[in-house]
Amino acid sequence: MYLLYAACAEAERCRIAVAEQADKVWDATLMKKWLVSYVLESPGLEHLDFFNALKCLGAERLMSAHWVLQSDQSATALRDQFAMLLAPNDQLLVAELGQDIAWGTKN
């Protein structure tokens, strides 16, 4: 932890960042896993904000239109957050995943 403080110009800002990160690690067991799926009726660059939002929240892409996200937010909150980044006629599904999750491909 000392090295993290030394690397920061503002020690207080670093202390807060370390505390927030520790809270995230502690709360990780309480966070739910969500499947975020979509159908983009007008694919293109207008969806960059949508994909960036998924990535910023730590989502991992499973398949072309399916992502897994770990969050303490509700399905409704996630849906509302992502839906405002979509184009008209696009479709979005946010569903909570259980503990036993498997996916794969057949070559």
C-alpha atoms as a PDB file:
ATOM      1  CA  MET A   1       0.000   0.000   0.000  1.00  0.00           C
ATOM      2  CA  TYR A   2       2.957   2.350   0.650  1.00  0.00           C
ATOM      3  CA  LEU A   3       4.048   2.105  -3.001  1.00  0.00           C
ATOM      4  CA  LEU A   4       0.583   3.101  -4.140  1.00  0.00           C
ATOM      5  CA  TYR A   5       0.728   6.205  -1.942  1.00  0.00           C
ATOM      6  CA  ALA A   6       4.203   7.077  -3.198  1.00  0.00           C
ATOM      7  CA  ALA A   7       3.140   6.772  -6.837  1.00  0.00           C
ATOM      8  CA  CYS A   8       0.346   9.317  -6.357  1.00  0.00           C
ATOM      9  CA  ALA A   9       0.868  13.043  -6.332  1.00  0.00           C
ATOM     10  CA  GLU A  10      -2.080  13.551  -3.984  1.00  0.00           C
ATOM     11  CA  ALA A  11      -1.990  11.113  -1.063  1.00  0.00           C
ATOM     12  CA  GLU A  12      -5.578  11.815  -0.035  1.00  0.00           C
ATOM     13  CA  ARG A  13      -6.892  11.004  -3.496  1.00  0.00           C
ATOM     14  CA  CYS A  14      -4.950   7.738  -3.398  1.00  0.00           C
ATOM     15  CA  ARG A  15      -6.273   6.873   0.041  1.00  0.00           C
ATOM     16  CA  ILE A  16      -9.821   7.288  -1.233  1.00  0.00           C
ATOM     17  CA  ALA A  17      -9.070   5.224  -4.357  1.00  0.00           C
ATOM     18  CA  VAL A  18      -7.596   2.405  -2.240  1.00  0.00           C
ATOM     19  CA  ALA A  19     -10.616   2.465   0.086  1.00  0.00           C
ATOM     20  CA  GLU A  20     -13.041   2.392  -2.853  1.00  0.00           C
ATOM     21  CA  GLN A  21     -11.166  -0.524  -4.425  1.00  0.00           C
ATOM     22  CA  ALA A  22     -11.219  -2.412  -1.119  1.00  0.00           C
ATOM     23  CA  ASP A  23     -14.972  -1.814  -0.875  1.00  0.00           C
ATOM     24  CA  LYS A  24     -15.435  -3.222  -4.383  1.00  0.00           C
ATOM     25  CA  VAL A  25     -13.466  -6.353  -3.510  1.00  0.00           C
ATOM     26  CA  TRP A  26     -15.437  -6.776  -0.276  1.00  0.00           C
ATOM     27  CA  ASP A  27     -18.785  -6.249  -2.040  1.00  0.00           C
ATOM     28  CA  ALA A  28     -17.916  -8.522  -4.981  1.00  0.00           C
ATOM     29  CA  THR A  29     -19.494 -11.498  -3.221  1.00  0.00           C
ATOM     30  CA  LEU A  30     -22.737  -9.515  -2.853  1.00  0.00           C
ATOM     31  CA  MET A  31     -22.912  -8.401  -6.478  1.00  0.00           C
ATOM     32  CA  LYS A  32     -25.142 -10.185  -8.969  1.00  0.00           C
ATOM     33  CA  LYS A  33     -24.183 -11.449 -12.399  1.00  0.00           C
ATOM     34  CA  TRP A  34     -26.248 -10.075 -15.270  1.00  0.00           C
ATOM     35  CA  LEU A  35     -26.672 -11.174 -18.857  1.00  0.00           C
ATOM     36  CA  VAL A  36     -26.936  -8.193 -21.198  1.00  0.00           C
ATOM     37  CA  SER A  37     -28.211  -9.160 -24.648  1.00  0.00           C
ATOM     38  CA  TYR A  38     -29.267  -6.961 -27.516  1.00  0.00           C
ATOM     39  CA  VAL A  39     -30.459  -6.781 -31.102  1.00  0.00           C
ATOM     40  CA  LEU A  40     -29.171  -3.714 -32.917  1.00  0.00           C
ATOM     41  CA  GLU A  41     -31.577  -2.873 -35.742  1.00  0.00           C
ATOM     42  CA  SER A  42     -29.304  -0.127 -37.057  1.00  0.00           C
ATOM     43  CA  PRO A  43     -25.731  -1.364 -36.457  1.00  0.00           C
ATOM     44  CA  GLY A  44     -22.914   1.102 -36.821  1.00  0.00           C
ATOM     45  CA  LEU A  45     -20.849   3.714 -35.109  1.00  0.00           C
ATOM     46  CA  GLU A  46     -23.861   5.188 -33.295  1.00  0.00           C
ATOM     47  CA  HIS A  47     -23.556   2.311 -30.811  1.00  0.00           C
ATOM     48  CA  LEU A  48     -20.018   3.110 -29.662  1.00  0.00           C
ATOM     49  CA  ASP A  49     -21.324   4.735 -26.452  1.00  0.00           C
ATOM     50  CA  PHE A  50     -23.317   1.583 -25.699  1.00  0.00           C
ATOM     51  CA  PHE A  51     -20.291  -0.685 -26.103  1.00  0.00           C
ATOM     52  CA  ASN A  52     -18.046   1.696 -24.164  1.00  0.00           C
ATOM     53  CA  ALA A  53     -20.561   1.738 -21.288  1.00  0.00           C
ATOM     54  CA  LEU A  54     -20.525  -2.072 -21.166  1.00  0.00           C
ATOM     55  CA  LYS A  55     -16.719  -2.102 -21.105  1.00  0.00           C
ATOM     56  CA  CYS A  56     -16.490   0.668 -18.499  1.00  0.00           C
ATOM     57  CA  LEU A  57     -18.716  -1.324 -16.160  1.00  0.00           C
ATOM     58  CA  GLY A  58     -16.425  -4.346 -16.550  1.00  0.00           C
ATOM     59  CA  ALA A  59     -18.691  -6.434 -18.775  1.00  0.00           C
ATOM     60  CA  GLU A  60     -17.174  -9.351 -20.659  1.00  0.00           C
ATOM     61  CA  ARG A  61     -18.381 -10.331 -24.116  1.00  0.00           C
ATOM     62  CA  LEU A  62     -19.521 -13.947 -24.347  1.00  0.00           C
ATOM     63  CA  MET A  63     -20.911 -13.993 -27.874  1.00  0.00           C
ATOM     64  CA  SER A  64     -21.565 -11.390 -30.529  1.00  0.00           C
ATOM     65  CA  ALA A  65     -24.615  -9.877 -28.776  1.00  0.00           C
ATOM     66  CA  HIS A  66     -24.296 -11.259 -25.238  1.00  0.00           C
ATOM     67  CA  TRP A  67     -22.257  -9.838 -22.366  1.00  0.00           C
ATOM     68  CA  VAL A  68     -21.893 -10.770 -18.687  1.00  0.00           C
ATOM     69  CA  LEU A  69     -21.680  -8.005 -16.131  1.00  0.00           C
ATOM     70  CA  GLN A  70     -21.217  -8.121 -12.370  1.00  0.00           C
ATOM     71  CA  SER A  71     -23.031  -5.295 -10.592  1.00  0.00           C
ATOM     72  CA  ASP A  72     -24.993  -4.426  -7.483  1.00  0.00           C
ATOM     73  CA  GLN A  73     -27.494  -2.456  -9.579  1.00  0.00           C
ATOM     74  CA  SER A  74     -30.970  -3.775 -10.358  1.00  0.00           C
ATOM     75  CA  ALA A  75     -32.055  -5.081 -13.756  1.00  0.00           C
ATOM     76  CA  THR A  76     -34.225  -1.999 -14.206  1.00  0.00           C
ATOM     77  CA  ALA A  77     -31.380   0.387 -13.383  1.00  0.00           C
ATOM     78  CA  LEU A  78     -29.016  -1.383 -15.789  1.00  0.00           C
ATOM     79  CA  ARG A  79     -31.680  -1.510 -18.504  1.00  0.00           C
ATOM     80  CA  ASP A  80     -32.391   2.203 -18.166  1.00  0.00           C
ATOM     81  CA  GLN A  81     -28.683   3.056 -18.186  1.00  0.00           C
ATOM     82  CA  PHE A  82     -27.988   1.065 -21.363  1.00  0.00           C
ATOM     83  CA  ALA A  83     -31.285   1.749 -23.164  1.00  0.00           C
ATOM     84  CA  MET A  84     -30.635   5.485 -23.373  1.00  0.00           C
ATOM     85  CA  LEU A  85     -27.520   4.661 -25.449  1.00  0.00           C
ATOM     86  CA  LEU A  86     -29.404   2.630 -28.052  1.00  0.00           C
ATOM     87  CA  ALA A  87     -31.052   3.718 -31.288  1.00  0.00           C
ATOM     88  CA  PRO A  88     -34.805   3.501 -31.974  1.00  0.00           C
ATOM     89  CA  ASN A  89     -36.045  -0.057 -32.603  1.00  0.00           C
ATOM     90  CA  ASP A  90     -32.991  -1.638 -30.914  1.00  0.00           C
ATOM     91  CA  GLN A  91     -33.822  -4.333 -28.371  1.00  0.00           C
ATOM     92  CA  LEU A  92     -32.233  -4.943 -24.963  1.00  0.00           C
ATOM     93  CA  LEU A  93     -32.477  -7.701 -22.361  1.00  0.00           C
ATOM     94  CA  VAL A  94     -30.961  -7.571 -18.863  1.00  0.00           C
ATOM     95  CA  ALA A  95     -31.403 -10.822 -16.922  1.00  0.00           C
ATOM     96  CA  GLU A  96     -29.902 -12.026 -13.650  1.00  0.00           C
ATOM     97  CA  LEU A  97     -27.760 -15.139 -13.975  1.00  0.00           C
ATOM     98  CA  GLY A  98     -27.615 -17.896 -11.370  1.00  0.00           C
ATOM     99  CA  GLN A  99     -24.517 -19.387  -9.778  1.00  0.00           C
ATOM    100  CA  ASP A 100     -24.086 -22.199 -12.295  1.00  0.00           C
ATOM    101  CA  ILE A 101     -23.254 -20.606 -15.657  1.00  0.00           C
ATOM    102  CA  ALA A 102     -21.699 -22.318 -18.671  1.00  0.00           C
ATOM    103  CA  TRP A 103     -21.148 -21.319 -22.263  1.00  0.00           C
ATOM    104  CA  GLY A 104     -18.918 -22.439 -25.068  1.00  0.00           C
ATOM    105  CA  THR A 105     -18.498 -23.142 -28.733  1.00  0.00           C
ATOM    106  CA  LYS A 106     -18.215 -26.277 -30.825  1.00  0.00           C
ATOM    107  CA  ASN A 107     -15.407 -26.297 -33.341  1.00  0.00           C
END
